[in-house]
């Protein structure tokens, strides 16, 4: 049940409100400030026109009806209808405008999030479940978009409505208006008490949803493994626990939210009761009219409506601040592997590679490589062998600059790769990993990924060279056969052969093969070897392979262990030394025998 604890671990909750998040959000709003200002203007105009209704009602009750003035009454009725129609049209127009603005803001944030995620180093993805990253791009952005568009306009609009309502109330009757406003200090105390509880509650909801999404995403990807090991019941129990956490935190947050509107409503009802009580007392004294009491009562209901709306906006604001924090935390993640200031373009690579006293660690205090140094001449094929976790893949990852070295230098053709642009470096390198990733789309699209301007003839030539053409041609639509997400319709060996073709098509100056033939059967591997020899010819190559028989012909074999290179030489030289490589090679021969 260790996994359960991993996914129940929440992300850090921030106690203080961070104004920087709103400042960052404002950069997305500036672009549409003109449209938002126009929407605000027509909303304010519509709201102001709607506020004429109680005055028209007062005139009807106090003047037109008592004086039996039918013409005046019909005029007031017509004006009421006109007020309703105009305010409805303006409100609808504003709604359409703000939907468009909201969707544009969603697009802008998602675009920037995705672009930033593309630049983040491997370390970022190593440390986080992918589901927690996914929920930020999809769910959280949807949640905050309305707050950044309609929410901000509504705050200003409701404030304007409040000012208009107060002005109209004072115009009708000052004494009774003061009765209405007596409830404001009580409301202020109540809102101050509730706000922190709400924010913390919605932060917990954000965390629990993130945990659930991460576990769900992993289990969808690993569904086959789940069934192989008959883990359905245990996984269902873990998911049930995570879903239960979501349910409990959501209900707690909703309970906090539901304290707001009843509180405001209770204050509103008490104030309206006070209006009728006070108004009827004064009516009995002859100083107030029924029309005035009805008008003030109507304005009182309208007075508390924007306050209730502001309370709801405040709720929504607190709910979404937790999401906004997560979004801008992601956008604020440092791109630790990036072009340094003044980085130059990597010239055409000849293939000389040097490590100069390179040290590296994934975690502080746990060095994987320590003062590693070696030189490789252009066109050499280099094999990296050694026990699992010794640092073989780390060496090629540093050569590709997927991570920054802690100390030392990695040089290609005498050029420190930390001082060249990443794109100019990686465009000249071909990397084949053990886990061959296949994108959704056609097989042709997947091979073309390595060189977008390649012709169909070049694609087929690359596939033939790596022994992939025969099985691709045998598929229903050949190279145009659609493969599902992660190449689910292909075998592991087929995925690796397609990845080989993709890498070969890119025509790299330096080729890295990290357990690239691990899923290919021995017969296909033998046929592939001829194609591999063609690929390696004239290129500097680094090969990581556990089947040592495949790297015997390499120009240089380096045995990696204990944070460094303990042996280096050709196959014959290392066998003659009878050291670590000799022991590893002979043990494999014994296993085969």
Protein backbone atom coordinates (compact mmCIF):
# COMPACT_ATOMS: atom_id res chain seq x y z
CA UNK A 1 0.00 0.00 0.00
CA UNK A 2 3.02 2.28 -0.34
CA UNK A 3 1.57 3.77 -3.51
CA UNK A 4 -1.46 4.97 -1.62
CA UNK A 5 0.70 7.11 0.64
CA UNK A 6 2.54 8.54 -2.37
CA UNK A 7 -0.64 9.74 -4.02
CA UNK A 8 -2.20 10.95 -0.78
CA UNK A 9 0.76 13.28 -0.32
CA UNK A 10 -0.52 16.79 -0.96
CA UNK A 11 1.34 19.62 -2.55
CA UNK A 12 2.39 22.43 -0.25
CA UNK A 13 -0.38 24.79 0.83
CA UNK A 14 0.60 28.44 0.92
CA UNK A 15 -0.79 30.34 3.90
CA UNK A 16 -0.35 33.95 2.73
CA UNK A 17 -2.13 35.35 -0.31
CA UNK A 18 0.49 35.98 -2.97
CA UNK A 19 -0.27 39.21 -4.85
CA UNK A 20 2.31 38.23 -7.50
CA UNK A 21 -0.14 35.70 -8.91
CA UNK A 22 -2.69 38.43 -9.59
CA UNK A 23 0.02 40.63 -11.11
CA UNK A 24 0.96 37.79 -13.45
CA UNK A 25 -2.70 37.24 -14.25
CA UNK A 26 -3.06 40.91 -15.16
CA UNK A 27 -0.63 40.40 -18.05
CA UNK A 28 -3.24 38.15 -19.68
CA UNK A 29 -6.02 40.67 -19.07
CA UNK A 30 -4.21 43.71 -20.56
CA UNK A 31 -4.56 42.32 -24.05
CA UNK A 32 -8.36 42.50 -23.84
CA UNK A 33 -8.73 45.57 -21.64
CA UNK A 34 -10.49 47.53 -24.42
CA UNK A 35 -13.20 44.90 -24.93
CA UNK A 36 -13.58 44.47 -21.19
CA UNK A 37 -13.92 48.24 -20.70
CA UNK A 38 -16.63 48.38 -23.39
CA UNK A 39 -18.43 45.42 -21.80
CA UNK A 40 -18.23 47.20 -18.45
CA UNK A 41 -19.63 50.38 -19.97
CA UNK A 42 -22.68 48.70 -21.52
CA UNK A 43 -23.21 46.68 -18.31
CA UNK A 44 -23.13 49.85 -16.21
CA UNK A 45 -25.52 51.53 -18.65
CA UNK A 46 -27.88 48.54 -18.52
CA UNK A 47 -27.71 48.44 -14.72
CA UNK A 48 -28.36 52.17 -14.43
CA UNK A 49 -31.37 51.96 -16.73
CA UNK A 50 -32.77 48.99 -14.75
CA UNK A 51 -32.58 51.08 -11.55
CA UNK A 52 -35.21 53.43 -12.93
CA UNK A 53 -37.87 50.73 -12.35
CA UNK A 54 -38.48 51.37 -8.59
CA UNK A 55 -38.80 55.13 -9.18
CA UNK A 56 -41.32 54.49 -11.97
CA UNK A 57 -43.20 52.18 -9.57
CA UNK A 58 -43.15 54.88 -6.87
CA UNK A 59 -44.55 57.44 -9.32
CA UNK A 60 -47.32 55.03 -10.29
CA UNK A 61 -48.29 54.31 -6.65
CA UNK A 62 -48.01 57.86 -5.32
CA UNK A 63 -49.14 59.93 -8.32
CA UNK A 64 -50.78 58.12 -11.24
CA UNK A 65 -53.05 55.71 -9.32
CA UNK A 66 -54.24 58.11 -6.51
CA UNK A 67 -54.99 60.80 -9.15
CA UNK A 68 -56.65 58.29 -11.55
CA UNK A 69 -54.28 59.52 -14.28
CA UNK A 70 -54.58 56.64 -16.78
CA UNK A 71 -52.48 58.36 -19.45
CA UNK A 72 -49.60 58.87 -16.98
CA UNK A 73 -49.99 55.28 -15.73
CA UNK A 74 -49.77 53.85 -19.26
CA UNK A 75 -46.71 56.03 -19.92
CA UNK A 76 -45.02 54.70 -16.77
CA UNK A 77 -45.94 51.12 -17.78
CA UNK A 78 -44.48 51.64 -21.25
CA UNK A 79 -41.29 53.04 -19.73
CA UNK A 80 -41.05 49.98 -17.44
CA UNK A 81 -41.26 47.66 -20.47
CA UNK A 82 -38.65 49.75 -22.31
CA UNK A 83 -36.35 49.63 -19.28
CA UNK A 84 -36.66 45.83 -19.18
CA UNK A 85 -36.01 45.40 -22.93
CA UNK A 86 -33.02 47.76 -23.10
CA UNK A 87 -31.36 46.35 -19.96
CA UNK A 88 -31.87 42.76 -21.26
CA UNK A 89 -30.31 43.59 -24.66
CA UNK A 90 -27.30 45.27 -23.06
CA UNK A 91 -26.81 42.37 -20.62
CA UNK A 92 -26.97 39.80 -23.45
CA UNK A 93 -24.48 41.77 -25.56
CA UNK A 94 -22.11 41.99 -22.64
CA UNK A 95 -22.43 38.24 -21.99
CA UNK A 96 -21.47 37.36 -25.57
CA UNK A 97 -18.47 39.69 -25.47
CA UNK A 98 -17.16 38.27 -22.21
CA UNK A 99 -17.55 34.64 -23.32
CA UNK A 100 -15.22 35.44 -26.23
CA UNK A 101 -12.75 37.23 -23.94
CA UNK A 102 -12.84 34.33 -21.47
CA UNK A 103 -12.06 31.78 -24.19
CA UNK A 104 -9.21 33.93 -25.49
CA UNK A 105 -7.69 34.09 -22.01
CA UNK A 106 -7.98 30.28 -21.71
CA UNK A 107 -6.18 29.95 -25.04
CA UNK A 108 -3.38 32.34 -24.05
CA UNK A 109 -2.70 30.69 -20.67
CA UNK A 110 -2.82 27.16 -22.12
CA UNK A 111 -0.50 28.14 -24.96
CA UNK A 112 2.03 29.64 -22.54
CA UNK A 113 1.74 26.70 -20.14
CA UNK A 114 2.34 24.17 -22.90
CA UNK A 115 5.26 26.15 -24.34
CA UNK A 116 6.81 26.39 -20.86
CA UNK A 117 6.31 22.68 -20.16
CA UNK A 118 8.15 21.91 -23.40
CA UNK A 119 11.20 23.75 -22.06
CA UNK A 120 11.24 22.39 -18.51
CA UNK A 121 14.09 19.96 -17.81
CA UNK A 122 13.78 16.21 -17.37
CA UNK A 123 14.18 16.73 -13.62
CA UNK A 124 10.78 18.47 -13.44
CA UNK A 125 9.03 15.45 -14.96
CA UNK A 126 11.12 13.03 -12.89
CA UNK A 127 9.78 14.61 -9.68
CA UNK A 128 6.05 14.84 -10.49
CA UNK A 129 3.27 12.46 -11.50
CA UNK A 130 2.17 13.43 -15.00
CA UNK A 131 -1.48 13.53 -13.97
CA UNK A 132 -0.76 16.44 -11.61
CA UNK A 133 0.78 18.36 -14.50
CA UNK A 134 -2.11 17.53 -16.83
CA UNK A 135 -4.83 18.77 -14.47
CA UNK A 136 -3.19 22.21 -14.36
CA UNK A 137 -3.25 22.64 -18.13
CA UNK A 138 -6.83 21.38 -18.58
CA UNK A 139 -9.02 21.74 -15.47
CA UNK A 140 -7.39 24.60 -13.60
CA UNK A 141 -7.15 26.92 -16.61
CA UNK A 142 -10.86 26.40 -17.31
CA UNK A 143 -11.66 27.26 -13.70
CA UNK A 144 -9.72 30.52 -13.51
CA UNK A 145 -10.59 31.94 -16.94
CA UNK A 146 -14.01 33.23 -15.87
CA UNK A 147 -12.50 34.80 -12.76
CA UNK A 148 -9.94 36.66 -14.88
CA UNK A 149 -12.56 37.99 -17.30
CA UNK A 150 -16.14 38.12 -16.01
CA UNK A 151 -15.06 38.06 -12.39
CA UNK A 152 -13.07 41.28 -12.58
CA UNK A 153 -15.72 43.07 -14.63
CA UNK A 154 -18.44 41.89 -12.26
CA UNK A 155 -16.55 43.28 -9.26
CA UNK A 156 -16.37 46.73 -10.85
CA UNK A 157 -19.93 46.46 -12.19
CA UNK A 158 -21.40 45.45 -8.83
CA UNK A 159 -19.53 48.30 -7.15
CA UNK A 160 -20.97 50.72 -9.72
CA UNK A 161 -24.44 49.22 -9.20
CA UNK A 162 -24.02 49.66 -5.47
CA UNK A 163 -23.09 53.32 -5.88
CA UNK A 164 -26.06 53.90 -8.23
CA UNK A 165 -28.44 52.13 -5.84
CA UNK A 166 -27.24 54.20 -2.89
CA UNK A 167 -27.62 57.39 -4.97
CA UNK A 168 -31.17 56.45 -6.03
CA UNK A 169 -32.08 55.48 -2.46
CA UNK A 170 -30.81 58.79 -1.08
CA UNK A 171 -32.75 60.58 -3.80
CA UNK A 172 -35.94 58.84 -2.70
CA UNK A 173 -35.46 59.12 1.10
CA UNK A 174 -32.35 59.78 3.19
CA UNK A 175 -33.67 58.56 6.56
CA UNK A 176 -34.76 55.14 5.32
CA UNK A 177 -31.60 54.78 3.24
CA UNK A 178 -29.55 55.02 6.42
CA UNK A 179 -31.61 52.15 7.90
CA UNK A 180 -30.63 50.00 4.90
CA UNK A 181 -26.93 50.78 5.29
CA UNK A 182 -26.84 49.89 9.01
CA UNK A 183 -26.27 46.26 8.03
CA UNK A 184 -22.99 46.95 6.18
CA UNK A 185 -20.66 46.89 9.28
CA UNK A 186 -22.24 43.60 10.39
CA UNK A 187 -21.59 42.12 6.94
CA UNK A 188 -17.96 43.32 6.94
CA UNK A 189 -17.24 41.51 10.22
CA UNK A 190 -18.89 38.33 8.93
CA UNK A 191 -16.93 38.31 5.63
CA UNK A 192 -13.62 38.88 7.40
CA UNK A 193 -14.32 35.87 9.63
CA UNK A 194 -15.17 33.49 6.76
CA UNK A 195 -12.56 34.35 4.10
CA UNK A 196 -9.51 32.44 5.44
CA UNK A 197 -11.54 29.32 6.10
CA UNK A 198 -12.79 29.33 2.52
CA UNK A 199 -9.38 29.79 0.93
CA UNK A 200 -7.80 26.96 2.88
CA UNK A 201 -10.75 24.68 2.14
CA UNK A 202 -10.47 25.22 -1.63
CA UNK A 203 -6.71 24.75 -1.57
CA UNK A 204 -7.32 21.31 -0.06
CA UNK A 205 -9.85 20.56 -2.81
CA UNK A 206 -7.22 21.52 -5.39
CA UNK A 207 -4.70 19.13 -3.82
CA UNK A 208 -7.08 16.20 -3.51
CA UNK A 209 -8.26 16.58 -7.13
CA UNK A 210 -4.63 16.70 -8.23
CA UNK A 211 -3.87 13.48 -6.32
CA UNK A 212 -6.88 11.71 -7.83
CA UNK A 213 -6.03 12.82 -11.36
CA UNK A 214 -2.40 11.69 -11.02
CA UNK A 215 -3.39 8.22 -9.81
CA UNK A 216 -6.08 7.86 -12.47
CA UNK A 217 -3.70 8.85 -15.28
CA UNK A 218 -1.04 6.39 -14.13
CA UNK A 219 -3.53 3.53 -13.88
CA UNK A 220 -4.93 4.17 -17.35
CA UNK A 221 -1.40 4.01 -18.79
CA UNK A 222 -0.55 0.96 -16.68
CA UNK A 223 -3.85 -0.92 -17.14
CA UNK A 224 -2.12 -3.97 -18.64
CA UNK A 225 0.32 -4.28 -15.75
CA UNK A 226 -2.58 -3.98 -13.31
CA UNK A 227 -4.33 -6.95 -14.93
CA UNK A 228 -1.14 -8.99 -15.28
CA UNK A 229 -0.54 -8.79 -11.54
CA UNK A 230 -4.25 -8.97 -10.61
CA UNK A 231 -4.08 -5.64 -8.79
CA UNK A 232 -7.61 -4.54 -9.71
CA UNK A 233 -9.07 -4.84 -6.20
CA UNK A 234 -6.16 -3.16 -4.44
CA UNK A 235 -6.03 -0.34 -6.98
CA UNK A 236 -9.80 0.13 -6.69
CA UNK A 237 -9.37 0.44 -2.91
CA UNK A 238 -6.65 3.07 -3.33
CA UNK A 239 -8.76 4.98 -5.87
CA UNK A 240 -11.76 4.77 -3.55
CA UNK A 241 -9.70 6.35 -0.77
CA UNK A 242 -8.51 9.18 -3.02
CA UNK A 243 -12.05 9.76 -4.34
CA UNK A 244 -13.31 9.79 -0.74
CA UNK A 245 -10.73 12.45 0.12
CA UNK A 246 -12.02 14.53 -2.81
CA UNK A 247 -15.60 14.10 -1.62
CA UNK A 248 -14.86 15.09 1.98
CA UNK A 249 -12.74 18.13 1.12
CA UNK A 250 -15.29 19.27 -1.48
CA UNK A 251 -18.19 18.98 0.98
CA UNK A 252 -16.19 20.89 3.61
CA UNK A 253 -15.42 23.66 1.09
CA UNK A 254 -19.06 23.83 -0.01
CA UNK A 255 -20.17 24.11 3.61
CA UNK A 256 -17.82 27.08 4.01
CA UNK A 257 -19.25 28.62 0.83
CA UNK A 258 -22.80 28.03 1.93
CA UNK A 259 -22.26 30.14 5.02
CA UNK A 260 -21.89 33.27 2.86
CA UNK A 261 -25.18 33.70 1.05
CA UNK A 262 -27.40 32.69 4.03
CA UNK A 263 -25.45 35.18 6.17
CA UNK A 264 -25.98 37.99 3.65
CA UNK A 265 -29.59 36.93 3.10
CA UNK A 266 -30.30 36.95 6.84
CA UNK A 267 -28.90 40.48 7.18
CA UNK A 268 -30.94 41.56 4.12
CA UNK A 269 -34.20 40.15 5.55
CA UNK A 270 -33.64 41.81 8.92
CA UNK A 271 -32.96 45.16 7.25
CA UNK A 272 -36.06 44.92 5.04
CA UNK A 273 -38.12 44.07 8.12
CA UNK A 274 -36.68 47.16 9.82
CA UNK A 275 -37.62 49.25 6.74
CA UNK A 276 -41.26 48.17 6.89
CA UNK A 277 -41.41 48.60 10.70
CA UNK A 278 -39.76 52.04 10.62
CA UNK A 279 -41.60 53.06 7.46
CA UNK A 280 -45.04 52.13 8.78
CA UNK A 281 -44.35 54.04 12.01
CA UNK A 282 -43.52 57.15 9.98
CA UNK A 283 -46.41 56.43 7.58
CA UNK A 284 -48.74 56.56 10.56
CA UNK A 285 -47.32 59.97 11.39
CA UNK A 286 -47.96 61.06 7.79
CA UNK A 287 -44.27 61.73 6.95
CA UNK A 288 -43.83 58.74 4.57
CA UNK A 289 -45.88 57.48 1.64
CA UNK A 290 -46.60 53.89 0.64
CA UNK A 291 -44.78 54.51 -2.65
CA UNK A 292 -41.67 55.65 -0.76
CA UNK A 293 -41.71 52.58 1.51
CA UNK A 294 -42.18 50.23 -1.49
CA UNK A 295 -39.44 52.01 -3.47
CA UNK A 296 -36.94 51.88 -0.59
CA UNK A 297 -37.84 48.23 0.04
CA UNK A 298 -37.20 47.51 -3.63
CA UNK A 299 -33.90 49.39 -3.55
CA UNK A 300 -32.99 47.53 -0.33
CA UNK A 301 -33.43 44.20 -2.12
CA UNK A 302 -31.34 45.58 -4.98
CA UNK A 303 -28.80 46.99 -2.51
CA UNK A 304 -28.15 43.57 -1.02
CA UNK A 305 -28.16 41.86 -4.41
CA UNK A 306 -24.80 43.32 -5.57
CA UNK A 307 -23.44 42.65 -2.11
CA UNK A 308 -24.56 39.01 -2.41
CA UNK A 309 -23.10 38.93 -5.90
CA UNK A 310 -19.84 40.33 -4.57
CA UNK A 311 -19.96 37.61 -1.91
CA UNK A 312 -20.37 34.97 -4.63
CA UNK A 313 -17.58 36.54 -6.66
CA UNK A 314 -15.48 36.55 -3.51
CA UNK A 315 -16.28 32.83 -3.05
CA UNK A 316 -15.35 32.14 -6.66
CA UNK A 317 -12.21 34.20 -6.26
CA UNK A 318 -11.11 32.20 -3.21
CA UNK A 319 -11.97 28.91 -4.92
CA UNK A 320 -9.95 29.77 -8.00
CA UNK A 321 -7.00 31.36 -6.24
CA UNK A 322 -5.89 27.85 -5.28
CA UNK A 323 -5.96 26.92 -8.98
CA UNK A 324 -4.34 30.19 -10.04
CA UNK A 325 -1.51 29.52 -7.61
CA UNK A 326 -0.89 26.08 -9.16
CA UNK A 327 -0.93 27.49 -12.70
CA UNK A 328 1.55 30.26 -11.97
CA UNK A 329 3.70 27.97 -9.85
CA UNK A 330 4.08 25.88 -13.03
CA UNK A 331 4.76 28.94 -15.19
CA UNK A 332 7.21 30.07 -12.52
CA UNK A 333 9.22 26.83 -12.60
CA UNK A 334 12.74 27.69 -13.64
CA UNK A 335 13.96 26.38 -16.96
CA UNK A 336 17.27 25.21 -15.53
CA UNK A 337 18.50 23.80 -18.84
CA UNK A 338 18.28 26.73 -21.23
CA UNK A 339 20.33 28.90 -23.53
CA UNK A 340 22.77 31.00 -21.53
CA UNK A 341 23.13 34.68 -22.30
CA UNK A 342 25.20 35.10 -25.44
CA UNK A 343 24.80 31.44 -26.50
CA UNK A 344 26.05 30.81 -30.02
CA UNK A 345 24.90 28.42 -32.73
CA UNK A 346 26.65 25.06 -32.69
CA UNK A 347 28.62 24.78 -35.95
CA UNK A 348 28.32 21.55 -38.00
CA UNK A 349 29.49 18.79 -35.65
CA UNK A 350 32.51 16.71 -36.67
CA UNK A 351 32.13 14.39 -33.68
CA UNK A 352 35.01 14.90 -31.20
CA UNK A 353 33.63 14.48 -27.65
CA UNK A 354 35.41 15.24 -24.38
CA UNK A 355 34.36 15.11 -20.74
CA UNK A 356 36.57 17.23 -18.45
CA UNK A 357 36.28 16.38 -14.73
CA UNK A 358 32.49 16.11 -14.96
CA UNK A 359 30.53 15.58 -11.74
CA UNK A 360 26.76 15.27 -11.56
CA UNK A 361 24.00 14.38 -9.11
CA UNK A 362 20.22 14.16 -9.47
CA UNK A 363 19.82 14.85 -5.76
CA UNK A 364 22.02 16.98 -3.55
CA UNK A 365 24.69 14.92 -1.80
CA UNK A 366 24.23 11.82 -4.00
CA UNK A 367 26.76 12.01 -6.82
CA UNK A 368 26.13 9.73 -9.79
CA UNK A 369 29.30 10.79 -11.62
CA UNK A 370 32.47 12.08 -10.00
CA UNK A 371 35.30 13.77 -11.95
CA UNK A 372 34.65 11.78 -15.12
CA UNK A 373 37.07 12.51 -17.98
CA UNK A 374 37.49 10.90 -21.41
CA UNK A 375 38.14 11.82 -25.05
CA UNK A 376 36.44 10.39 -28.12
CA UNK A 377 37.66 11.07 -31.66
CA UNK A 378 35.28 11.87 -34.55
CA UNK A 379 33.64 8.79 -36.07
CA UNK A 380 34.44 6.48 -33.14
CA UNK A 381 31.85 4.03 -31.84
CA UNK A 382 31.85 4.00 -28.03
CA UNK A 383 30.11 1.42 -25.86
CA UNK A 384 29.14 2.15 -22.25
CA UNK A 385 28.73 -0.95 -20.11
CA UNK A 386 28.40 -1.65 -16.42
CA UNK A 387 25.87 -2.48 -13.72
CA UNK A 388 22.40 -0.95 -13.62
CA UNK A 389 22.37 2.54 -12.08
CA UNK A 390 26.11 3.06 -12.57
CA UNK A 391 25.63 6.23 -14.66
CA UNK A 392 25.72 5.05 -18.29
CA UNK A 393 22.51 6.81 -19.29
CA UNK A 394 23.55 9.83 -17.26
CA UNK A 395 26.66 10.26 -19.43
CA UNK A 396 24.64 10.36 -22.66
CA UNK A 397 22.01 12.59 -21.05
CA UNK A 398 24.72 15.09 -20.14
CA UNK A 399 26.15 14.85 -23.65
CA UNK A 400 22.69 15.76 -25.01
CA UNK A 401 22.43 18.44 -22.30
CA UNK A 402 19.20 17.18 -20.86
CA UNK A 403 20.73 18.08 -17.50
CA UNK A 404 23.39 20.60 -16.49
CA UNK A 405 26.63 19.27 -15.03
CA UNK A 406 27.39 20.17 -11.40
CA UNK A 407 31.01 20.82 -12.28
CA UNK A 408 33.40 20.25 -15.16
CA UNK A 409 32.81 20.61 -18.89
CA UNK A 410 31.32 18.61 -21.73
CA UNK A 411 32.93 19.51 -25.05
CA UNK A 412 32.00 18.69 -28.64
CA UNK A 413 34.67 19.63 -31.19
CA UNK A 414 36.30 21.64 -28.42
CA UNK A 415 33.13 23.70 -27.87
CA UNK A 416 31.58 23.80 -24.38
CA UNK A 417 28.01 22.64 -25.05
CA UNK A 418 26.67 24.78 -22.18
CA UNK A 419 27.49 27.85 -24.27
CA UNK A 420 25.67 26.88 -27.47
CA UNK A 421 21.94 26.99 -28.19
CA UNK A 422 20.04 23.83 -27.31
CA UNK A 423 18.27 23.61 -30.66
CA UNK A 424 21.50 23.86 -32.68
CA UNK A 425 23.05 21.13 -30.50
CA UNK A 426 20.16 18.66 -30.39
CA UNK A 427 19.28 19.02 -34.06
CA UNK A 428 22.62 17.43 -34.84
CA UNK A 429 22.19 14.54 -32.42
CA UNK A 430 20.15 11.36 -32.77
CA UNK A 431 18.99 9.65 -29.59
CA UNK A 432 17.36 6.23 -29.36
CA UNK A 433 16.05 5.36 -25.92
CA UNK A 434 15.02 1.97 -24.54
CA UNK A 435 11.44 3.23 -24.13
CA UNK A 436 10.58 4.04 -27.75
CA UNK A 437 7.78 6.58 -27.74
CA UNK A 438 5.24 6.45 -30.55
CA UNK A 439 2.84 9.35 -31.08
CA UNK A 440 -0.79 9.06 -32.15
CA UNK A 441 -1.05 9.33 -35.93
CA UNK A 442 0.30 7.38 -38.88
CA UNK A 443 3.51 5.39 -39.00
CA UNK A 444 4.68 7.81 -41.68
CA UNK A 445 4.10 10.77 -39.34
CA UNK A 446 6.12 9.06 -36.61
CA UNK A 447 9.11 8.46 -38.87
CA UNK A 448 8.79 11.94 -40.38
CA UNK A 449 9.07 13.42 -36.86
CA UNK A 450 12.86 13.26 -37.25
CA UNK A 451 12.89 15.32 -40.47
CA UNK A 452 9.69 17.10 -41.44
CA UNK A 453 10.78 17.88 -45.00
CA UNK A 454 11.77 14.29 -45.88
CA UNK A 455 10.31 12.68 -48.99
CA UNK A 456 8.39 9.40 -49.05
CA UNK A 457 11.39 7.81 -50.74
CA UNK A 458 13.70 8.92 -47.90
CA UNK A 459 11.23 7.61 -45.32
CA UNK A 460 11.03 4.20 -46.98
CA UNK A 461 14.82 4.02 -47.42
CA UNK A 462 15.34 4.67 -43.68
CA UNK A 463 12.74 2.03 -42.79
CA UNK A 464 14.36 -0.54 -45.09
CA UNK A 465 17.77 0.11 -43.61
CA UNK A 466 16.51 -0.74 -40.09
CA UNK A 467 14.40 -3.74 -41.21
CA UNK A 468 11.09 -1.97 -40.54
CA UNK A 469 9.79 -1.77 -44.12
CA UNK A 470 8.64 -5.39 -44.30
CA UNK A 471 6.26 -5.31 -41.33
CA UNK A 472 5.06 -1.75 -42.14
CA UNK A 473 4.23 -2.73 -45.73
CA UNK A 474 2.30 -5.73 -44.42
CA UNK A 475 -0.06 -3.49 -42.41
CA UNK A 476 -3.53 -2.64 -43.80
CA UNK A 477 -2.60 0.88 -44.90
CA UNK A 478 1.16 0.51 -44.99
CA UNK A 479 2.95 3.69 -43.94
CA UNK A 480 -0.41 5.45 -43.57
CA UNK A 481 -1.61 2.96 -40.93
CA UNK A 482 -2.96 4.81 -37.90
CA UNK A 483 -1.34 3.89 -34.58
CA UNK A 484 -3.05 4.69 -31.31
CA UNK A 485 -1.69 6.54 -28.29
CA UNK A 486 1.82 5.34 -27.36
CA UNK A 487 1.68 2.90 -30.30
CA UNK A 488 -0.65 0.49 -28.48
CA UNK A 489 -1.26 -1.54 -31.67
CA UNK A 490 2.47 -2.20 -32.16
CA UNK A 491 4.82 -4.62 -30.41
CA UNK A 492 7.77 -3.25 -28.44
CA UNK A 493 10.12 -4.46 -31.14
CA UNK A 494 8.12 -2.72 -33.87
CA UNK A 495 8.13 0.49 -31.86
CA UNK A 496 11.90 0.34 -31.58
CA UNK A 497 12.35 -0.27 -35.31
CA UNK A 498 10.11 2.71 -36.14
CA UNK A 499 12.12 4.80 -33.67
CA UNK A 500 15.31 3.62 -35.38
CA UNK A 501 13.95 4.78 -38.74
CA UNK A 502 12.97 8.13 -37.22
CA UNK A 503 16.45 8.61 -35.78
CA UNK A 504 18.22 7.53 -38.96
CA UNK A 505 16.09 9.88 -41.08
CA UNK A 506 17.26 12.86 -39.01
CA UNK A 507 20.85 12.12 -40.19
CA UNK A 508 22.57 12.98 -36.85
CA UNK A 509 26.26 13.81 -36.49
CA UNK A 510 26.36 12.08 -33.07
CA UNK A 511 24.23 8.98 -32.49
CA UNK A 512 23.20 7.72 -29.05
CA UNK A 513 21.67 4.26 -28.67
CA UNK A 514 20.50 3.60 -25.11
CA UNK A 515 19.41 -0.07 -24.97
CA UNK A 516 17.92 0.60 -28.40
CA UNK A 517 17.61 -3.08 -29.38
CA UNK A 518 16.42 -4.45 -26.04
CA UNK A 519 12.95 -5.37 -27.34
CA UNK A 520 14.06 -6.71 -30.75
CA UNK A 521 14.35 -10.46 -31.21
CA UNK A 522 17.79 -11.93 -31.90
CA UNK A 523 17.00 -12.82 -35.53
CA UNK A 524 15.82 -9.28 -36.34
CA UNK A 525 18.75 -7.83 -34.42
CA UNK A 526 21.18 -9.76 -36.60
CA UNK A 527 19.48 -8.45 -39.74
CA UNK A 528 19.42 -4.97 -38.19
CA UNK A 529 23.13 -5.04 -37.46
CA UNK A 530 23.95 -4.38 -41.10
CA UNK A 531 21.73 -1.32 -41.05
CA UNK A 532 23.26 -0.24 -37.75
CA UNK A 533 26.75 -0.50 -39.20
CA UNK A 534 25.57 1.77 -42.00
CA UNK A 535 24.13 4.20 -39.45
CA UNK A 536 27.32 4.24 -37.39
CA UNK A 537 29.63 4.73 -40.36
CA UNK A 538 31.16 8.20 -40.30
CA UNK A 539 29.31 9.15 -37.10
CA UNK A 540 30.45 9.36 -33.52
CA UNK A 541 28.21 6.99 -31.62
CA UNK A 542 27.57 6.06 -28.00
CA UNK A 543 25.95 2.69 -27.41
CA UNK A 544 24.55 1.39 -24.14
CA UNK A 545 23.79 -2.33 -24.31
CA UNK A 546 23.49 -5.14 -21.79
CA UNK A 547 23.95 -7.77 -24.51
CA UNK A 548 27.71 -7.38 -24.82
CA UNK A 549 27.88 -9.47 -27.96
CA UNK A 550 26.38 -6.50 -29.84
CA UNK A 551 29.19 -4.09 -28.92
CA UNK A 552 32.29 -6.25 -29.48
CA UNK A 553 33.23 -4.35 -32.63
CA UNK A 554 33.09 -0.90 -31.00
CA UNK A 555 36.25 1.23 -31.20
CA UNK A 556 36.13 1.97 -27.48
CA UNK A 557 34.38 0.23 -24.59
CA UNK A 558 34.12 2.05 -21.25
CA UNK A 559 33.10 0.23 -18.09
CA UNK A 560 31.13 2.60 -15.84
CA UNK A 561 30.90 1.91 -12.11
CA UNK A 562 31.17 3.69 -8.74
CA UNK A 563 30.65 7.14 -10.27
CA UNK A 564 33.41 6.86 -12.83
CA UNK A 565 35.02 4.92 -15.68
CA UNK A 566 36.98 2.06 -14.19
CA UNK A 567 38.16 0.52 -17.49
CA UNK A 568 38.43 1.63 -21.12
CA UNK A 569 39.72 -0.04 -24.27
CA UNK A 570 38.73 -2.33 -27.12
CA UNK A 571 37.01 -5.64 -26.51
CA UNK A 572 40.27 -7.59 -26.91
CA UNK A 573 42.22 -5.21 -24.66
CA UNK A 574 39.62 -5.41 -21.87
CA UNK A 575 39.35 -9.19 -22.13
CA UNK A 576 43.15 -9.41 -21.80
CA UNK A 577 43.03 -7.32 -18.60
CA UNK A 578 40.59 -9.78 -17.03
CA UNK A 579 38.99 -6.99 -15.01
CA UNK A 580 35.36 -5.90 -14.57
CA UNK A 581 34.50 -6.12 -18.27
CA UNK A 582 36.00 -9.60 -18.55
CA UNK A 583 33.92 -10.80 -15.58
CA UNK A 584 30.75 -9.31 -17.02
CA UNK A 585 31.34 -10.73 -20.49
CA UNK A 586 32.22 -14.23 -19.34
CA UNK A 587 29.24 -14.32 -16.96
CA UNK A 588 26.95 -13.57 -19.91
CA UNK A 589 28.55 -16.38 -21.93
CA UNK A 590 27.96 -18.77 -19.03
CA UNK A 591 24.31 -17.67 -18.82
CA UNK A 592 23.84 -18.34 -22.54
CA UNK A 593 25.52 -21.74 -22.22
